[in-house]
PDB file of all heavy atoms in Angstrom:
ATOM      1  N   LEU A   1      90.254  57.865 123.382  1.00  0.00           N
ATOM      2  CA  LEU A   1      90.553  56.744 124.274  1.00  0.00           C
ATOM      3  C   LEU A   1      89.328  56.394 125.119  1.00  0.00           C
ATOM      4  O   LEU A   1      88.967  55.225 125.246  1.00  0.00           O
ATOM      5  CB  LEU A   1      91.738  57.111 125.175  1.00  0.00           C
ATOM      6  CG  LEU A   1      92.087  56.127 126.271  1.00  0.00           C
ATOM      7  CD1 LEU A   1      92.665  54.853 125.697  1.00  0.00           C
ATOM      8  CD2 LEU A   1      93.067  56.766 127.237  1.00  0.00           C
ATOM      9  N   ALA A   2      88.683  57.399 125.679  1.00  0.00           N
ATOM     10  CA  ALA A   2      87.479  57.166 126.496  1.00  0.00           C
ATOM     11  C   ALA A   2      86.373  56.543 125.656  1.00  0.00           C
ATOM     12  O   ALA A   2      85.672  55.632 126.109  1.00  0.00           O
ATOM     13  CB  ALA A   2      87.016  58.471 127.135  1.00  0.00           C
ATOM     14  N   ALA A   3      86.221  57.005 124.416  1.00  0.00           N
ATOM     15  CA  ALA A   3      85.196  56.458 123.526  1.00  0.00           C
ATOM     16  C   ALA A   3      85.462  54.981 123.230  1.00  0.00           C
ATOM     17  O   ALA A   3      84.533  54.160 123.217  1.00  0.00           O
ATOM     18  CB  ALA A   3      85.134  57.265 122.229  1.00  0.00           C
ATOM     19  N   ARG A   4      86.733  54.630 123.008  1.00  0.00           N
ATOM     20  CA  ARG A   4      87.086  53.221 122.757  1.00  0.00           C
ATOM     21  C   ARG A   4      86.811  52.371 123.995  1.00  0.00           C
ATOM     22  O   ARG A   4      86.281  51.261 123.887  1.00  0.00           O
ATOM     23  CB  ARG A   4      88.548  53.110 122.343  1.00  0.00           C
ATOM     24  CG  ARG A   4      89.032  51.690 122.141  1.00  0.00           C
ATOM     25  CD  ARG A   4      88.366  51.022 120.953  1.00  0.00           C
ATOM     26  NE  ARG A   4      88.967  49.712 120.735  1.00  0.00           N
ATOM     27  CZ  ARG A   4      88.285  48.641 120.348  1.00  0.00           C
ATOM     28  NH1 ARG A   4      86.991  48.718 120.106  1.00  0.00           N
ATOM     29  NH2 ARG A   4      88.896  47.492 120.177  1.00  0.00           N
ATOM     30  N   ALA A   5      87.143  52.872 125.173  1.00  0.00           N
ATOM     31  CA  ALA A   5      86.872  52.136 126.408  1.00  0.00           C
ATOM     32  C   ALA A   5      85.374  51.905 126.568  1.00  0.00           C
ATOM     33  O   ALA A   5      84.938  50.794 126.917  1.00  0.00           O
ATOM     34  CB  ALA A   5      87.430  52.898 127.611  1.00  0.00           C
ATOM     35  N   LYS A   6      84.593  52.930 126.319  1.00  0.00           N
ATOM     36  CA  LYS A   6      83.136  52.813 126.432  1.00  0.00           C
ATOM     37  C   LYS A   6      82.595  51.792 125.438  1.00  0.00           C
ATOM     38  O   LYS A   6      81.719  50.994 125.761  1.00  0.00           O
ATOM     39  CB  LYS A   6      82.503  54.185 126.226  1.00  0.00           C
ATOM     40  CG  LYS A   6      81.073  54.249 126.650  1.00  0.00           C
ATOM     41  CD  LYS A   6      80.595  55.675 126.733  1.00  0.00           C
ATOM     42  CE  LYS A   6      79.245  55.691 127.404  1.00  0.00           C
ATOM     43  NZ  LYS A   6      78.834  57.022 127.764  1.00  0.00           N
ATOM     44  N   GLU A   7      83.130  51.803 124.227  1.00  0.00           N
ATOM     45  CA  GLU A   7      82.757  50.835 123.189  1.00  0.00           C
ATOM     46  C   GLU A   7      82.999  49.404 123.661  1.00  0.00           C
ATOM     47  O   GLU A   7      82.257  48.484 123.316  1.00  0.00           O
ATOM     48  CB  GLU A   7      83.598  51.151 121.954  1.00  0.00           C
ATOM     49  CG  GLU A   7      83.303  50.387 120.719  1.00  0.00           C
ATOM     50  CD  GLU A   7      84.246  50.862 119.600  1.00  0.00           C
ATOM     51  OE1 GLU A   7      84.035  51.962 119.062  1.00  0.00           O
ATOM     52  OE2 GLU A   7      85.203  50.129 119.296  1.00  0.00           O
ATOM     53  N   LEU A   8      84.044  49.210 124.464  1.00  0.00           N
ATOM     54  CA  LEU A   8      84.406  47.881 124.993  1.00  0.00           C
ATOM     55  C   LEU A   8      83.746  47.598 126.347  1.00  0.00           C
ATOM     56  O   LEU A   8      84.097  46.618 127.001  1.00  0.00           O
ATOM     57  CB  LEU A   8      85.930  47.788 125.123  1.00  0.00           C
ATOM     58  CG  LEU A   8      86.707  47.846 123.810  1.00  0.00           C
ATOM     59  CD1 LEU A   8      88.200  48.011 124.081  1.00  0.00           C
ATOM     60  CD2 LEU A   8      86.445  46.598 122.974  1.00  0.00           C
ATOM     61  N   ASN A   9      82.821  48.468 126.764  1.00  0.00           N
ATOM     62  CA  ASN A   9      82.125  48.332 128.054  1.00  0.00           C
ATOM     63  C   ASN A   9      83.070  48.388 129.243  1.00  0.00           C
ATOM     64  O   ASN A   9      82.863  47.709 130.249  1.00  0.00           O
ATOM     65  CB  ASN A   9      81.273  47.053 128.093  1.00  0.00           C
ATOM     66  CG  ASN A   9      80.168  47.083 127.069  1.00  0.00           C
ATOM     67  OD1 ASN A   9      79.452  48.078 126.957  1.00  0.00           O
ATOM     68  ND2 ASN A   9      80.046  46.014 126.305  1.00  0.00           N
ATOM     69  N   CYS A  10      84.114  49.197 129.127  1.00  0.00           N
ATOM     70  CA  CYS A  10      85.072  49.388 130.216  1.00  0.00           C
ATOM     71  C   CYS A  10      84.758  50.702 130.937  1.00  0.00           C
ATOM     72  O   CYS A  10      84.469  51.706 130.293  1.00  0.00           O
ATOM     73  CB  CYS A  10      86.499  49.428 129.672  1.00  0.00           C
ATOM     74  SG  CYS A  10      87.031  47.873 128.930  1.00  0.00           S
ATOM     75  N   SER A  11      84.856  50.682 132.246  1.00  0.00           N
ATOM     76  CA  SER A  11      84.595  51.900 133.022  1.00  0.00           C
ATOM     77  C   SER A  11      85.877  52.663 133.329  1.00  0.00           C
ATOM     78  O   SER A  11      85.822  53.798 133.794  1.00  0.00           O
ATOM     79  CB  SER A  11      83.863  51.558 134.322  1.00  0.00           C
ATOM     80  OG  SER A  11      84.628  50.661 135.098  1.00  0.00           O
ATOM     81  N   ILE A  12      87.029  52.034 133.061  1.00  0.00           N
ATOM     82  CA  ILE A  12      88.328  52.664 133.279  1.00  0.00           C
ATOM     83  C   ILE A  12      89.168  52.506 132.014  1.00  0.00           C
ATOM     84  O   ILE A  12      89.165  51.439 131.390  1.00  0.00           O
ATOM     85  CB  ILE A  12      89.070  52.038 134.482  1.00  0.00           C
ATOM     86  CG1 ILE A  12      88.293  52.281 135.777  1.00  0.00           C
ATOM     87  CG2 ILE A  12      90.498  52.572 134.608  1.00  0.00           C
ATOM     88  CD1 ILE A  12      88.877  51.601 136.998  1.00  0.00           C
ATOM     89  N   ALA A  13      89.894  53.577 131.655  1.00  0.00           N
ATOM     90  CA  ALA A  13      90.850  53.522 130.547  1.00  0.00           C
ATOM     91  C   ALA A  13      92.210  53.954 131.075  1.00  0.00           C
ATOM     92  O   ALA A  13      92.327  54.992 131.719  1.00  0.00           O
ATOM     93  CB  ALA A  13      90.408  54.443 129.407  1.00  0.00           C
ATOM     94  N   LEU A  14      93.227  53.150 130.817  1.00  0.00           N
ATOM     95  CA  LEU A  14      94.601  53.433 131.238  1.00  0.00           C
ATOM     96  C   LEU A  14      95.440  53.763 130.009  1.00  0.00           C
ATOM     97  O   LEU A  14      95.336  53.092 128.983  1.00  0.00           O
ATOM     98  CB  LEU A  14      95.212  52.217 131.931  1.00  0.00           C
ATOM     99  CG  LEU A  14      94.472  51.634 133.120  1.00  0.00           C
ATOM    100  CD1 LEU A  14      95.173  50.359 133.592  1.00  0.00           C
ATOM    101  CD2 LEU A  14      94.367  52.645 134.243  1.00  0.00           C
ATOM    102  N   TYR A  15      96.303  54.773 130.158  1.00  0.00           N
ATOM    103  CA  TYR A  15      97.204  55.122 129.064  1.00  0.00           C
ATOM    104  C   TYR A  15      98.474  55.766 129.622  1.00  0.00           C
ATOM    105  O   TYR A  15      98.514  56.201 130.764  1.00  0.00           O
ATOM    106  CB  TYR A  15      96.529  56.068 128.067  1.00  0.00           C
ATOM    107  CG  TYR A  15      96.332  57.487 128.557  1.00  0.00           C
ATOM    108  CD1 TYR A  15      97.166  58.517 128.130  1.00  0.00           C
ATOM    109  CD2 TYR A  15      95.306  57.804 129.441  1.00  0.00           C
ATOM    110  CE1 TYR A  15      96.983  59.820 128.560  1.00  0.00           C
ATOM    111  CE2 TYR A  15      95.111  59.109 129.876  1.00  0.00           C
ATOM    112  CZ  TYR A  15      95.950  60.110 129.436  1.00  0.00           C
ATOM    113  OH  TYR A  15      95.776  61.400 129.875  1.00  0.00           O
ATOM    114  N   GLY A  16      99.505  55.812 128.804  1.00  0.00           N
ATOM    115  CA  GLY A  16     100.760  56.479 129.135  1.00  0.00           C
ATOM    116  C   GLY A  16     101.052  57.522 128.077  1.00  0.00           C
ATOM    117  O   GLY A  16     100.230  58.377 127.796  1.00  0.00           O
ATOM    118  N   HIS A  17     102.227  57.463 127.497  1.00  0.00           N
ATOM    119  CA  HIS A  17     102.662  58.240 126.340  1.00  0.00           C
ATOM    120  C   HIS A  17     102.966  59.711 126.642  1.00  0.00           C
ATOM    121  O   HIS A  17     103.960  60.233 126.161  1.00  0.00           O
ATOM    122  CB  HIS A  17     101.639  58.122 125.206  1.00  0.00           C
ATOM    123  CG  HIS A  17     102.081  58.695 123.893  1.00  0.00           C
ATOM    124  ND1 HIS A  17     103.271  58.344 123.281  1.00  0.00           N
ATOM    125  CD2 HIS A  17     101.484  59.602 123.076  1.00  0.00           C
ATOM    126  CE1 HIS A  17     103.375  59.001 122.135  1.00  0.00           C
ATOM    127  NE2 HIS A  17     102.319  59.772 121.986  1.00  0.00           N
ATOM    128  N   THR A  18     102.174  60.407 127.439  1.00  0.00           N
ATOM    129  CA  THR A  18     102.372  61.838 127.660  1.00  0.00           C
ATOM    130  C   THR A  18     103.365  62.139 128.776  1.00  0.00           C
ATOM    131  O   THR A  18     103.795  63.278 128.924  1.00  0.00           O
ATOM    132  CB  THR A  18     101.051  62.544 128.016  1.00  0.00           C
ATOM    133  OG1 THR A  18     100.609  62.096 129.298  1.00  0.00           O
ATOM    134  CG2 THR A  18      99.986  62.279 126.961  1.00  0.00           C
ATOM    135  N   HIS A  19     103.685  61.125 129.591  1.00  0.00           N
ATOM    136  CA  HIS A  19     104.583  61.251 130.743  1.00  0.00           C
ATOM    137  C   HIS A  19     103.990  62.108 131.856  1.00  0.00           C
ATOM    138  O   HIS A  19     104.695  62.443 132.806  1.00  0.00           O
ATOM    139  CB  HIS A  19     105.960  61.800 130.343  1.00  0.00           C
ATOM    140  CG  HIS A  19     106.772  60.860 129.526  1.00  0.00           C
ATOM    141  ND1 HIS A  19     108.146  60.801 129.611  1.00  0.00           N
ATOM    142  CD2 HIS A  19     106.435  59.935 128.599  1.00  0.00           C
ATOM    143  CE1 HIS A  19     108.606  59.893 128.784  1.00  0.00           C
ATOM    144  NE2 HIS A  19     107.578  59.353 128.154  1.00  0.00           N
ATOM    145  N   GLN A  20     102.721  62.467 131.764  1.00  0.00           N
ATOM    146  CA  GLN A  20     102.080  63.320 132.763  1.00  0.00           C
ATOM    147  C   GLN A  20     100.996  62.539 133.499  1.00  0.00           C
ATOM    148  O   GLN A  20     100.052  62.051 132.874  1.00  0.00           O
ATOM    149  CB  GLN A  20     101.431  64.540 132.075  1.00  0.00           C
ATOM    150  CG  GLN A  20     102.410  65.411 131.328  1.00  0.00           C
ATOM    151  CD  GLN A  20     103.435  66.048 132.238  1.00  0.00           C
ATOM    152  OE1 GLN A  20     103.106  66.586 133.277  1.00  0.00           O
ATOM    153  NE2 GLN A  20     104.696  65.988 131.841  1.00  0.00           N
ATOM    154  N   ALA A  21     101.124  62.431 134.817  1.00  0.00           N
ATOM    155  CA  ALA A  21     100.094  61.777 135.619  1.00  0.00           C
ATOM    156  C   ALA A  21      98.812  62.593 135.534  1.00  0.00           C
ATOM    157  O   ALA A  21      98.835  63.827 135.627  1.00  0.00           O
ATOM    158  CB  ALA A  21     100.558  61.647 137.066  1.00  0.00           C
ATOM    159  N   ARG A  22      97.708  61.887 135.341  1.00  0.00           N
ATOM    160  CA  ARG A  22      96.442  62.582 135.158  1.00  0.00           C
ATOM    161  C   ARG A  22      95.295  61.605 135.415  1.00  0.00           C
ATOM    162  O   ARG A  22      95.404  60.429 135.074  1.00  0.00           O
ATOM    163  CB  ARG A  22      96.391  63.096 133.725  1.00  0.00           C
ATOM    164  CG  ARG A  22      95.215  63.931 133.369  1.00  0.00           C
ATOM    165  CD  ARG A  22      95.410  64.494 131.967  1.00  0.00           C
ATOM    166  NE  ARG A  22      94.262  65.297 131.597  1.00  0.00           N
ATOM    167  CZ  ARG A  22      94.149  65.941 130.476  1.00  0.00           C
ATOM    168  NH1 ARG A  22      95.130  65.891 129.596  1.00  0.00           N
ATOM    169  NH2 ARG A  22      93.088  66.645 130.197  1.00  0.00           N
ATOM    170  N   GLU A  23      94.217  62.110 135.996  1.00  0.00           N
ATOM    171  CA  GLU A  23      92.997  61.327 136.158  1.00  0.00           C
ATOM    172  C   GLU A  23      91.819  62.253 135.899  1.00  0.00           C
ATOM    173  O   GLU A  23      91.757  63.358 136.433  1.00  0.00           O
ATOM    174  CB  GLU A  23      92.895  60.731 137.556  1.00  0.00           C
ATOM    175  CG  GLU A  23      91.646  59.901 137.765  1.00  0.00           C
ATOM    176  CD  GLU A  23      91.535  59.300 139.159  1.00  0.00           C
ATOM    177  OE1 GLU A  23      92.534  59.271 139.890  1.00  0.00           O
ATOM    178  OE2 GLU A  23      90.428  58.860 139.502  1.00  0.00           O
ATOM    179  N   GLU A  24      90.887  61.783 135.063  1.00  0.00           N
ATOM    180  CA  GLU A  24      89.700  62.570 134.770  1.00  0.00           C
ATOM    181  C   GLU A  24      88.571  61.632 134.340  1.00  0.00           C
ATOM    182  O   GLU A  24      88.816  60.470 134.014  1.00  0.00           O
ATOM    183  CB  GLU A  24      89.979  63.605 133.681  1.00  0.00           C
ATOM    184  CG  GLU A  24      90.409  63.011 132.348  1.00  0.00           C
ATOM    185  CD  GLU A  24      90.908  64.074 131.378  1.00  0.00           C
ATOM    186  OE1 GLU A  24      90.144  65.007 131.065  1.00  0.00           O
ATOM    187  OE2 GLU A  24      92.064  63.961 130.961  1.00  0.00           O
ATOM    188  N   ILE A  25      87.367  62.136 134.359  1.00  0.00           N
ATOM    189  CA  ILE A  25      86.215  61.364 133.900  1.00  0.00           C
ATOM    190  C   ILE A  25      85.719  61.999 132.604  1.00  0.00           C
ATOM    191  O   ILE A  25      85.464  63.196 132.551  1.00  0.00           O
ATOM    192  CB  ILE A  25      85.100  61.329 134.960  1.00  0.00           C
ATOM    193  CG1 ILE A  25      85.624  60.632 136.216  1.00  0.00           C
ATOM    194  CG2 ILE A  25      83.860  60.618 134.410  1.00  0.00           C
ATOM    195  CD1 ILE A  25      84.686  60.648 137.390  1.00  0.00           C
ATOM    196  N   ILE A  26      85.628  61.150 131.567  1.00  0.00           N
ATOM    197  CA  ILE A  26      85.152  61.592 130.261  1.00  0.00           C
ATOM    198  C   ILE A  26      84.007  60.679 129.857  1.00  0.00           C
ATOM    199  O   ILE A  26      84.201  59.471 129.693  1.00  0.00           O
ATOM    200  CB  ILE A  26      86.273  61.544 129.200  1.00  0.00           C
ATOM    201  CG1 ILE A  26      87.449  62.431 129.608  1.00  0.00           C
ATOM    202  CG2 ILE A  26      85.731  61.935 127.831  1.00  0.00           C
ATOM    203  CD1 ILE A  26      88.661  62.306 128.711  1.00  0.00           C
ATOM    204  N   ASP A  27      82.829  61.246 129.723  1.00  0.00           N
ATOM    205  CA  ASP A  27      81.641  60.506 129.296  1.00  0.00           C
ATOM    206  C   ASP A  27      81.439  59.233 130.129  1.00  0.00           C
ATOM    207  O   ASP A  27      81.148  58.168 129.584  1.00  0.00           O
ATOM    208  CB  ASP A  27      81.727  60.192 127.800  1.00  0.00           C
ATOM    209  CG  ASP A  27      80.383  59.813 127.195  1.00  0.00           C
ATOM    210  OD1 ASP A  27      79.334  60.135 127.802  1.00  0.00           O
ATOM    211  OD2 ASP A  27      80.373  59.182 126.117  1.00  0.00           O
ATOM    212  N   GLY A  28      81.638  59.348 131.432  1.00  0.00           N
ATOM    213  CA  GLY A  28      81.412  58.229 132.343  1.00  0.00           C
ATOM    214  C   GLY A  28      82.575  57.265 132.489  1.00  0.00           C
ATOM    215  O   GLY A  28      82.498  56.315 133.271  1.00  0.00           O
ATOM    216  N   VAL A  29      83.655  57.487 131.759  1.00  0.00           N
ATOM    217  CA  VAL A  29      84.837  56.616 131.826  1.00  0.00           C
ATOM    218  C   VAL A  29      85.925  57.329 132.629  1.00  0.00           C
ATOM    219  O   VAL A  29      86.262  58.474 132.337  1.00  0.00           O
ATOM    220  CB  VAL A  29      85.367  56.279 130.411  1.00  0.00           C
ATOM    221  CG1 VAL A  29      86.647  55.449 130.488  1.00  0.00           C
ATOM    222  CG2 VAL A  29      84.303  55.551 129.600  1.00  0.00           C
ATOM    223  N   THR A  30      86.453  56.639 133.633  1.00  0.00           N
ATOM    224  CA  THR A  30      87.582  57.181 134.383  1.00  0.00           C
ATOM    225  C   THR A  30      88.849  56.916 133.582  1.00  0.00           C
ATOM    226  O   THR A  30      89.189  55.769 133.298  1.00  0.00           O
ATOM    227  CB  THR A  30      87.682  56.532 135.778  1.00  0.00           C
ATOM    228  OG1 THR A  30      86.465  56.775 136.487  1.00  0.00           O
ATOM    229  CG2 THR A  30      88.851  57.108 136.563  1.00  0.00           C
ATOM    230  N   VAL A  31      89.519  57.985 133.192  1.00  0.00           N
ATOM    231  CA  VAL A  31      90.700  57.912 132.334  1.00  0.00           C
ATOM    232  C   VAL A  31      91.923  58.246 133.195  1.00  0.00           C
ATOM    233  O   VAL A  31      91.974  59.302 133.814  1.00  0.00           O
ATOM    234  CB  VAL A  31      90.569  58.893 131.150  1.00  0.00           C
ATOM    235  CG1 VAL A  31      91.796  58.828 130.260  1.00  0.00           C
ATOM    236  CG2 VAL A  31      89.304  58.595 130.352  1.00  0.00           C
ATOM    237  N   ILE A  32      92.893  57.317 133.222  1.00  0.00           N
ATOM    238  CA  ILE A  32      94.037  57.441 134.128  1.00  0.00           C
ATOM    239  C   ILE A  32      95.346  57.301 133.375  1.00  0.00           C
ATOM    240  O   ILE A  32      95.538  56.347 132.615  1.00  0.00           O
ATOM    241  CB  ILE A  32      93.982  56.361 135.229  1.00  0.00           C
ATOM    242  CG1 ILE A  32      92.694  56.477 136.044  1.00  0.00           C
ATOM    243  CG2 ILE A  32      95.213  56.425 136.125  1.00  0.00           C
ATOM    244  CD1 ILE A  32      92.435  55.289 136.956  1.00  0.00           C
TER     245      ILE A  32
END
């Protein structure tokens, strides 16, 4: 997900699916 966001020049990636709140930085992308 972070790699796809970076490919699209996005600094933030949002996702659900796991039902678990989470925030982390992966390869410069804030994943929430």
